[in-house]
PDB file of N, CA and C in Angstrom:
ATOM      1  N   MET A   1       6.981  -5.678   1.955  1.00  0.00           N
ATOM      2  CA  MET A   1       7.014  -5.195   0.968  1.00  0.00           C
ATOM      3  C   MET A   1       6.163  -3.623   1.995  1.00  0.00           C
ATOM      4  N   ASP A   2       6.261  -3.036   1.341  1.00  0.00           N
ATOM      5  CA  ASP A   2       6.283  -0.960   1.762  1.00  0.00           C
ATOM      6  C   ASP A   2       5.023  -0.582   0.882  1.00  0.00           C
ATOM      7  N   VAL A   3       4.099  -0.172   1.182  1.00  0.00           N
ATOM      8  CA  VAL A   3       2.989   1.096  -0.132  1.00  0.00           C
ATOM      9  C   VAL A   3       2.996   2.079   0.694  1.00  0.00           C
ATOM     10  N   ARG A   4       2.667   2.680  -0.125  1.00  0.00           N
ATOM     11  CA  ARG A   4       3.078   4.257  -0.087  1.00  0.00           C
ATOM     12  C   ARG A   4       1.311   4.619  -0.708  1.00  0.00           C
ATOM     13  N   ILE A   5      -0.147   5.513  -0.122  1.00  0.00           N
ATOM     14  CA  ILE A   5      -0.769   5.570  -0.951  1.00  0.00           C
ATOM     15  C   ILE A   5      -1.010   7.758  -0.346  1.00  0.00           C
ATOM     16  N   GLY A   6      -0.300   8.223  -1.767  1.00  0.00           N
ATOM     17  CA  GLY A   6      -1.228   9.061  -1.632  1.00  0.00           C
ATOM     18  C   GLY A   6      -2.895   9.123  -1.739  1.00  0.00           C
ATOM     19  N   VAL A   7      -3.225  10.577   0.255  1.00  0.00           N
ATOM     20  CA  VAL A   7      -3.726  10.477  -0.724  1.00  0.00           C
ATOM     21  C   VAL A   7      -5.069  12.242  -0.916  1.00  0.00           C
ATOM     22  N   THR A   8      -6.260  12.868  -2.515  1.00  0.00           N
ATOM     23  CA  THR A   8      -6.229  13.801  -2.566  1.00  0.00           C
ATOM     24  C   THR A   8      -6.201  14.839  -1.717  1.00  0.00           C
ATOM     25  N   TYR A   9      -6.098  16.234  -1.861  1.00  0.00           N
ATOM     26  CA  TYR A   9      -6.323  17.165  -1.024  1.00  0.00           C
ATOM     27  C   TYR A   9      -6.572  16.756   0.859  1.00  0.00           C
ATOM     28  N   THR A  10      -5.501  16.770   0.530  1.00  0.00           N
ATOM     29  CA  THR A  10      -4.222  15.954   2.065  1.00  0.00           C
ATOM     30  C   THR A  10      -2.810  15.687   1.949  1.00  0.00           C
ATOM     31  N   ALA A  11      -1.734  16.278   2.550  1.00  0.00           N
ATOM     32  CA  ALA A  11      -0.042  16.536   2.758  1.00  0.00           C
ATOM     33  C   ALA A  11      -0.312  14.612   3.217  1.00  0.00           C
ATOM     34  N   LYS A  12      -1.069  14.004   3.822  1.00  0.00           N
ATOM     35  CA  LYS A  12      -0.260  12.644   4.243  1.00  0.00           C
ATOM     36  C   LYS A  12      -0.282  11.712   3.741  1.00  0.00           C
ATOM     37  N   GLU A  13      -0.055  11.316   3.806  1.00  0.00           N
ATOM     38  CA  GLU A  13       0.589   9.545   2.924  1.00  0.00           C
ATOM     39  C   GLU A  13      -0.078   8.511   3.777  1.00  0.00           C
ATOM     40  N   ILE A  14      -0.681   7.530   3.461  1.00  0.00           N
ATOM     41  CA  ILE A  14      -1.014   6.092   4.220  1.00  0.00           C
ATOM     42  C   ILE A  14       0.572   5.267   4.179  1.00  0.00           C
ATOM     43  N   ASP A  15       0.546   4.830   4.833  1.00  0.00           N
ATOM     44  CA  ASP A  15       2.282   4.019   4.818  1.00  0.00           C
ATOM     45  C   ASP A  15       1.463   2.634   5.467  1.00  0.00           C
ATOM     46  N   LEU A  16       1.942   1.581   4.513  1.00  0.00           N
ATOM     47  CA  LEU A  16       1.754  -0.241   4.717  1.00  0.00           C
ATOM     48  C   LEU A  16       3.196  -0.304   5.130  1.00  0.00           C
ATOM     49  N   GLU A  17       3.396  -1.521   5.681  1.00  0.00           N
ATOM     50  CA  GLU A  17       4.430  -2.222   5.629  1.00  0.00           C
ATOM     51  C   GLU A  17       3.374  -3.978   5.190  1.00  0.00           C
ATOM     52  N   LEU A  18       3.075  -4.409   4.037  1.00  0.00           N
ATOM     53  CA  LEU A  18       2.430  -5.312   3.764  1.00  0.00           C
ATOM     54  C   LEU A  18       3.828  -6.344   4.375  1.00  0.00           C
ATOM     55  N   ALA A  19       2.670  -8.032   4.486  1.00  0.00           N
ATOM     56  CA  ALA A  19       3.831  -8.930   4.585  1.00  0.00           C
ATOM     57  C   ALA A  19       4.990  -9.677   3.214  1.00  0.00           C
ATOM     58  N   GLU A  20       6.648  -9.531   4.141  1.00  0.00           N
ATOM     59  CA  GLU A  20       7.601 -10.126   2.536  1.00  0.00           C
ATOM     60  C   GLU A  20       6.917 -11.158   1.983  1.00  0.00           C
ATOM     61  N   ASP A  21       5.793 -11.464   1.525  1.00  0.00           N
ATOM     62  CA  ASP A  21       5.791 -12.935   0.832  1.00  0.00           C
ATOM     63  C   ASP A  21       4.776 -12.270  -0.296  1.00  0.00           C
ATOM     64  N   ALA A  22       4.322 -10.761   0.126  1.00  0.00           N
ATOM     65  CA  ALA A  22       2.809 -10.142  -1.530  1.00  0.00           C
ATOM     66  C   ALA A  22       3.351 -10.102  -1.840  1.00  0.00           C
ATOM     67  N   ASP A  23       2.861 -10.624  -3.186  1.00  0.00           N
ATOM     68  CA  ASP A  23       2.826 -10.279  -4.135  1.00  0.00           C
ATOM     69  C   ASP A  23       2.064  -8.803  -4.289  1.00  0.00           C
ATOM     70  N   PRO A  24       3.745  -8.264  -5.589  1.00  0.00           N
ATOM     71  CA  PRO A  24       3.447  -6.750  -6.010  1.00  0.00           C
ATOM     72  C   PRO A  24       2.118  -7.097  -7.441  1.00  0.00           C
ATOM     73  N   ALA A  25       2.313  -7.774  -8.032  1.00  0.00           N
ATOM     74  CA  ALA A  25       1.796  -7.933  -9.654  1.00  0.00           C
ATOM     75  C   ALA A  25      -0.169  -8.019  -9.203  1.00  0.00           C
ATOM     76  N   GLN A  26       0.055  -8.782  -7.761  1.00  0.00           N
ATOM     77  CA  GLN A  26      -1.667  -9.414  -7.520  1.00  0.00           C
ATOM     78  C   GLN A  26      -1.698  -7.887  -6.607  1.00  0.00           C
ATOM     79  N   LEU A  27      -1.058  -7.085  -5.793  1.00  0.00           N
ATOM     80  CA  LEU A  27      -1.754  -6.498  -5.066  1.00  0.00           C
ATOM     81  C   LEU A  27      -1.895  -4.667  -6.641  1.00  0.00           C
ATOM     82  N   GLN A  28      -1.320  -5.213  -7.236  1.00  0.00           N
ATOM     83  CA  GLN A  28      -1.374  -3.330  -8.704  1.00  0.00           C
ATOM     84  C   GLN A  28      -1.642  -4.286  -9.083  1.00  0.00           C
ATOM     85  N   ALA A  29      -2.571  -5.208  -9.220  1.00  0.00           N
ATOM     86  CA  ALA A  29      -3.929  -6.453 -10.080  1.00  0.00           C
ATOM     87  C   ALA A  29      -5.509  -4.993  -9.322  1.00  0.00           C
ATOM     88  N   ASP A  30      -5.369  -5.773  -7.910  1.00  0.00           N
ATOM     89  CA  ASP A  30      -6.241  -5.018  -6.803  1.00  0.00           C
ATOM     90  C   ASP A  30      -6.182  -3.640  -7.280  1.00  0.00           C
ATOM     91  N   VAL A  31      -5.070  -2.424  -6.967  1.00  0.00           N
ATOM     92  CA  VAL A  31      -5.730  -1.469  -6.876  1.00  0.00           C
ATOM     93  C   VAL A  31      -6.424  -0.806  -8.410  1.00  0.00           C
ATOM     94  N   ASP A  32      -5.664  -1.474  -9.354  1.00  0.00           N
ATOM     95  CA  ASP A  32      -6.250  -1.480 -10.935  1.00  0.00           C
ATOM     96  C   ASP A  32      -7.886  -1.556 -11.026  1.00  0.00           C
ATOM     97  N   ALA A  33      -7.958  -2.085 -10.298  1.00  0.00           N
ATOM     98  CA  ALA A  33     -10.226  -2.869 -10.100  1.00  0.00           C
ATOM     99  C   ALA A  33     -10.156  -1.847  -9.158  1.00  0.00           C
ATOM    100  N   ALA A  34      -9.714  -1.381  -8.117  1.00  0.00           N
ATOM    101  CA  ALA A  34     -10.936  -0.444  -7.421  1.00  0.00           C
ATOM    102  C   ALA A  34     -10.682   0.414  -7.917  1.00  0.00           C
ATOM    103  N   ILE A  35      -9.195   1.119  -8.456  1.00  0.00           N
ATOM    104  CA  ILE A  35      -9.370   2.473  -9.210  1.00  0.00           C
ATOM    105  C   ILE A  35     -10.540   2.479 -10.653  1.00  0.00           C
ATOM    106  N   ALA A  36     -10.955   1.114 -10.705  1.00  0.00           N
ATOM    107  CA  ALA A  36     -11.681   1.622 -12.822  1.00  0.00           C
ATOM    108  C   ALA A  36     -13.336   1.052 -11.747  1.00  0.00           C
ATOM    109  N   GLY A  37     -13.142   0.786 -10.300  1.00  0.00           N
ATOM    110  CA  GLY A  37     -14.879   1.476  -9.788  1.00  0.00           C
ATOM    111  C   GLY A  37     -15.312  -0.078  -9.709  1.00  0.00           C
ATOM    112  N   ASP A  38     -14.164  -1.507  -9.632  1.00  0.00           N
ATOM    113  CA  ASP A  38     -14.984  -2.131  -8.768  1.00  0.00           C
ATOM    114  C   ASP A  38     -15.021  -2.203  -7.910  1.00  0.00           C
ATOM    115  N   HIS A  39     -14.852  -1.565  -7.855  1.00  0.00           N
ATOM    116  CA  HIS A  39     -14.417  -1.785  -5.544  1.00  0.00           C
ATOM    117  C   HIS A  39     -15.007  -0.239  -5.490  1.00  0.00           C
ATOM    118  N   LEU A  40     -15.391   0.398  -3.951  1.00  0.00           N
ATOM    119  CA  LEU A  40     -15.530   1.557  -3.145  1.00  0.00           C
ATOM    120  C   LEU A  40     -14.458   2.043  -2.896  1.00  0.00           C
ATOM    121  N   VAL A  41     -14.061   0.983  -1.956  1.00  0.00           N
ATOM    122  CA  VAL A  41     -13.401   0.844  -1.025  1.00  0.00           C
ATOM    123  C   VAL A  41     -12.272   0.061  -1.371  1.00  0.00           C
ATOM    124  N   LEU A  42     -10.810   0.531  -1.331  1.00  0.00           N
ATOM    125  CA  LEU A  42      -9.432  -0.498  -1.258  1.00  0.00           C
ATOM    126  C   LEU A  42      -8.980  -0.947  -0.269  1.00  0.00           C
ATOM    127  N   TRP A  43      -9.045  -2.115  -0.496  1.00  0.00           N
ATOM    128  CA  TRP A  43      -8.984  -2.893   1.439  1.00  0.00           C
ATOM    129  C   TRP A  43      -7.611  -3.836   1.244  1.00  0.00           C
ATOM    130  N   LEU A  44      -6.580  -2.923   2.293  1.00  0.00           N
ATOM    131  CA  LEU A  44      -5.395  -3.982   2.731  1.00  0.00           C
ATOM    132  C   LEU A  44      -5.314  -4.183   3.741  1.00  0.00           C
ATOM    133  N   THR A  45      -4.332  -5.628   4.059  1.00  0.00           N
ATOM    134  CA  THR A  45      -3.991  -6.017   5.188  1.00  0.00           C
ATOM    135  C   THR A  45      -2.450  -5.477   5.549  1.00  0.00           C
ATOM    136  N   ASP A  46      -1.752  -5.582   6.616  1.00  0.00           N
ATOM    137  CA  ASP A  46      -0.407  -4.827   6.696  1.00  0.00           C
ATOM    138  C   ASP A  46      -0.227  -6.628   7.390  1.00  0.00           C
ATOM    139  N   ARG A  47       1.428  -6.071   7.817  1.00  0.00           N
ATOM    140  CA  ARG A  47       1.708  -7.339   8.167  1.00  0.00           C
ATOM    141  C   ARG A  47       1.524  -7.651   9.782  1.00  0.00           C
ATOM    142  N   LYS A  48       0.866  -6.833  10.465  1.00  0.00           N
ATOM    143  CA  LYS A  48       0.297  -6.832  11.974  1.00  0.00           C
ATOM    144  C   LYS A  48      -1.189  -7.876  11.333  1.00  0.00           C
ATOM    145  N   GLY A  49      -2.015  -7.934  10.313  1.00  0.00           N
ATOM    146  CA  GLY A  49      -3.109  -8.105  10.886  1.00  0.00           C
ATOM    147  C   GLY A  49      -4.186  -7.080  10.200  1.00  0.00           C
ATOM    148  N   ARG A  50      -3.375  -6.356  10.786  1.00  0.00           N
ATOM    149  CA  ARG A  50      -4.329  -4.854  10.320  1.00  0.00           C
ATOM    150  C   ARG A  50      -5.217  -4.641   9.179  1.00  0.00           C
ATOM    151  N   ARG A  51      -6.301  -5.037   9.279  1.00  0.00           N
ATOM    152  CA  ARG A  51      -7.462  -4.244   7.698  1.00  0.00           C
ATOM    153  C   ARG A  51      -7.618  -2.935   7.756  1.00  0.00           C
ATOM    154  N   VAL A  52      -6.812  -2.253   6.608  1.00  0.00           N
ATOM    155  CA  VAL A  52      -6.972  -0.810   6.768  1.00  0.00           C
ATOM    156  C   VAL A  52      -7.863  -1.052   4.858  1.00  0.00           C
ATOM    157  N   GLY A  53      -8.743   0.997   4.683  1.00  0.00           N
ATOM    158  CA  GLY A  53      -9.761   0.659   3.908  1.00  0.00           C
ATOM    159  C   GLY A  53      -9.124   2.150   3.789  1.00  0.00           C
ATOM    160  N   VAL A  54      -9.065   2.798   1.805  1.00  0.00           N
ATOM    161  CA  VAL A  54      -9.437   4.285   1.250  1.00  0.00           C
ATOM    162  C   VAL A  54     -10.038   4.103   0.423  1.00  0.00           C
ATOM    163  N   PRO A  55     -11.052   5.210   0.606  1.00  0.00           N
ATOM    164  CA  PRO A  55     -11.994   4.698  -0.496  1.00  0.00           C
ATOM    165  C   PRO A  55     -12.024   5.059  -1.591  1.00  0.00           C
ATOM    166  N   THR A  56     -11.753   4.393  -2.670  1.00  0.00           N
ATOM    167  CA  THR A  56     -11.601   5.203  -4.318  1.00  0.00           C
ATOM    168  C   THR A  56     -11.032   5.696  -4.418  1.00  0.00           C
ATOM    169  N   GLU A  57     -12.055   6.951  -4.429  1.00  0.00           N
ATOM    170  CA  GLU A  57     -12.275   7.995  -4.353  1.00  0.00           C
ATOM    171  C   GLU A  57     -10.895   9.800  -4.111  1.00  0.00           C
ATOM    172  N   LYS A  58     -10.735   8.699  -3.285  1.00  0.00           N
ATOM    173  CA  LYS A  58      -9.754   9.867  -3.158  1.00  0.00           C
ATOM    174  C   LYS A  58      -8.624   9.119  -2.823  1.00  0.00           C
ATOM    175  N   ILE A  59      -7.998   7.655  -3.674  1.00  0.00           N
ATOM    176  CA  ILE A  59      -6.259   7.773  -4.262  1.00  0.00           C
ATOM    177  C   ILE A  59      -6.144   8.535  -5.214  1.00  0.00           C
ATOM    178  N   ALA A  60      -4.139   9.285  -4.949  1.00  0.00           N
ATOM    179  CA  ALA A  60      -4.330  10.228  -5.914  1.00  0.00           C
ATOM    180  C   ALA A  60      -2.966   9.464  -6.868  1.00  0.00           C
ATOM    181  N   TYR A  61      -1.865   8.684  -5.326  1.00  0.00           N
ATOM    182  CA  TYR A  61      -1.392   7.497  -6.451  1.00  0.00           C
ATOM    183  C   TYR A  61      -0.831   6.774  -5.344  1.00  0.00           C
ATOM    184  N   VAL A  62       0.275   6.084  -5.718  1.00  0.00           N
ATOM    185  CA  VAL A  62       0.010   4.115  -5.273  1.00  0.00           C
ATOM    186  C   VAL A  62       0.948   4.189  -5.166  1.00  0.00           C
ATOM    187  N   GLU A  63       2.648   4.294  -4.067  1.00  0.00           N
ATOM    188  CA  GLU A  63       4.167   3.203  -4.634  1.00  0.00           C
ATOM    189  C   GLU A  63       3.624   2.218  -4.246  1.00  0.00           C
ATOM    190  N   ILE A  64       4.384   0.469  -5.417  1.00  0.00           N
ATOM    191  CA  ILE A  64       4.590  -0.049  -4.278  1.00  0.00           C
ATOM    192  C   ILE A  64       6.306  -0.215  -4.572  1.00  0.00           C
ATOM    193  N   GLY A  65       6.714  -0.984  -3.514  1.00  0.00           N
ATOM    194  CA  GLY A  65       8.543  -0.614  -3.046  1.00  0.00           C
ATOM    195  C   GLY A  65       8.383  -2.239  -1.868  1.00  0.00           C
ATOM    196  N   THR A  66      10.127  -1.999  -1.543  1.00  0.00           N
ATOM    197  CA  THR A  66      10.806  -3.620  -0.951  1.00  0.00           C
ATOM    198  C   THR A  66      10.243  -2.905  -0.218  1.00  0.00           C
ATOM    199  N   SER A  67      10.667  -3.481   1.191  1.00  0.00           N
ATOM    200  CA  SER A  67      10.687  -3.414   2.551  1.00  0.00           C
ATOM    201  C   SER A  67      11.675  -2.432   2.867  1.00  0.00           C
ATOM    202  N   GLU A  68      11.664  -1.199   3.618  1.00  0.00           N
ATOM    203  CA  GLU A  68      12.835  -0.502   4.708  1.00  0.00           C
ATOM    204  C   GLU A  68      13.925  -2.062   5.040  1.00  0.00           C
ATOM    205  N   ALA A  69      13.103  -3.433   5.168  1.00  0.00           N
ATOM    206  CA  ALA A  69      13.699  -4.088   6.210  1.00  0.00           C
ATOM    207  C   ALA A  69      14.564  -4.426   5.573  1.00  0.00           C
ATOM    208  N   ALA A  70      14.627  -4.787   3.975  1.00  0.00           N
ATOM    209  CA  ALA A  70      15.299  -5.242   3.040  1.00  0.00           C
ATOM    210  C   ALA A  70      16.517  -4.571   2.216  1.00  0.00           C
ATOM    211  N   ARG A  71      16.437  -3.318   2.309  1.00  0.00           N
ATOM    212  CA  ARG A  71      17.667  -2.290   2.120  1.00  0.00           C
ATOM    213  C   ARG A  71      18.558  -1.105   3.463  1.00  0.00           C
ATOM    214  N   ARG A  72      18.802  -2.002   4.635  1.00  0.00           N
ATOM    215  CA  ARG A  72      19.094  -1.699   4.536  1.00  0.00           C
ATOM    216  C   ARG A  72      20.425  -2.020   5.568  1.00  0.00           C
ATOM    217  N   ILE A  73      21.137  -1.051   5.517  1.00  0.00           N
ATOM    218  CA  ILE A  73      22.721  -1.059   5.596  1.00  0.00           C
ATOM    219  C   ILE A  73      23.379  -0.993   6.989  1.00  0.00           C
ATOM    220  N   GLY A  74      24.412  -1.771   7.294  1.00  0.00           N
ATOM    221  CA  GLY A  74      25.351  -1.478   8.386  1.00  0.00           C
ATOM    222  C   GLY A  74      24.793  -2.201  10.062  1.00  0.00           C
ATOM    223  N   PHE A  75      25.368  -1.396  11.339  1.00  0.00           N
ATOM    224  CA  PHE A  75      24.986  -2.108  12.178  1.00  0.00           C
ATOM    225  C   PHE A  75      23.930  -1.728  12.852  1.00  0.00           C
ATOM    226  N   GLY A  76      23.072  -0.231  12.816  1.00  0.00           N
ATOM    227  CA  GLY A  76      22.320   0.165  13.283  1.00  0.00           C
ATOM    228  C   GLY A  76      21.126  -1.148  14.059  1.00  0.00           C
ATOM    229  N   GLY A  77      19.772  -1.008  14.571  1.00  0.00           N
ATOM    230  CA  GLY A  77      19.334  -1.399  15.190  1.00  0.00           C
ATOM    231  C   GLY A  77      17.431  -0.850  15.219  1.00  0.00           C
TER     232      GLY A  77
END
């Protein structure tokens, strides 16, 4: 599953590829709780096991979608 997080005051985005078995509903609940003020940092773990922390006060938006590999069509490697 792909996650894209927009950060305030910068044009850059944080792109993460989470494990394929990640639950989109649980991820949305975690983001909602973090933005509601329950947490100061939203922590996510990518598919390689790396932890990424985003200060919740800097989150502009969050996009949750399927991975690029699941959408690829053709013979490219």
